[in-house]
Amino acid sequence: MSVGVDSAEALAQLGDIRAGMFRVTAGYEGMLFTLGEQQIDLGPCTEIYTMDKILNMKKARRDLAERGHATVVMRIAERFPAVRYLGPERTRSAEE
């Protein structure tokens, strides 16, 4: 999974947690469920992925310093499948 970063603060936050697993939340405006030729609009949804490693932290830091933005590449933890919630984007407080 790749995430764009535009600030040193955001990259530093990722750097602080790179030693352990962490979660990334992605919100989508809509999702379609397809079964054969039928499509059902499920509306907005949120997916939560568990990451276990940042693969290019040094390059991301260099790119951010040189260009003002960087792409951080992370590996999704195989043991923890993505969790999907239908409905509007969920916040951290809604999960607890």
Foldseek 3Di string as FASTA:
>chain_A
DKDKDQDPVVLVVCVVCQQAKDKDKDKDQWDWDDDPPDIDILGIKMKIFIFGHWDPSPVQVVCCVVPRMGMIDTHTDPVDDIDMGGDGDDDPVNVD
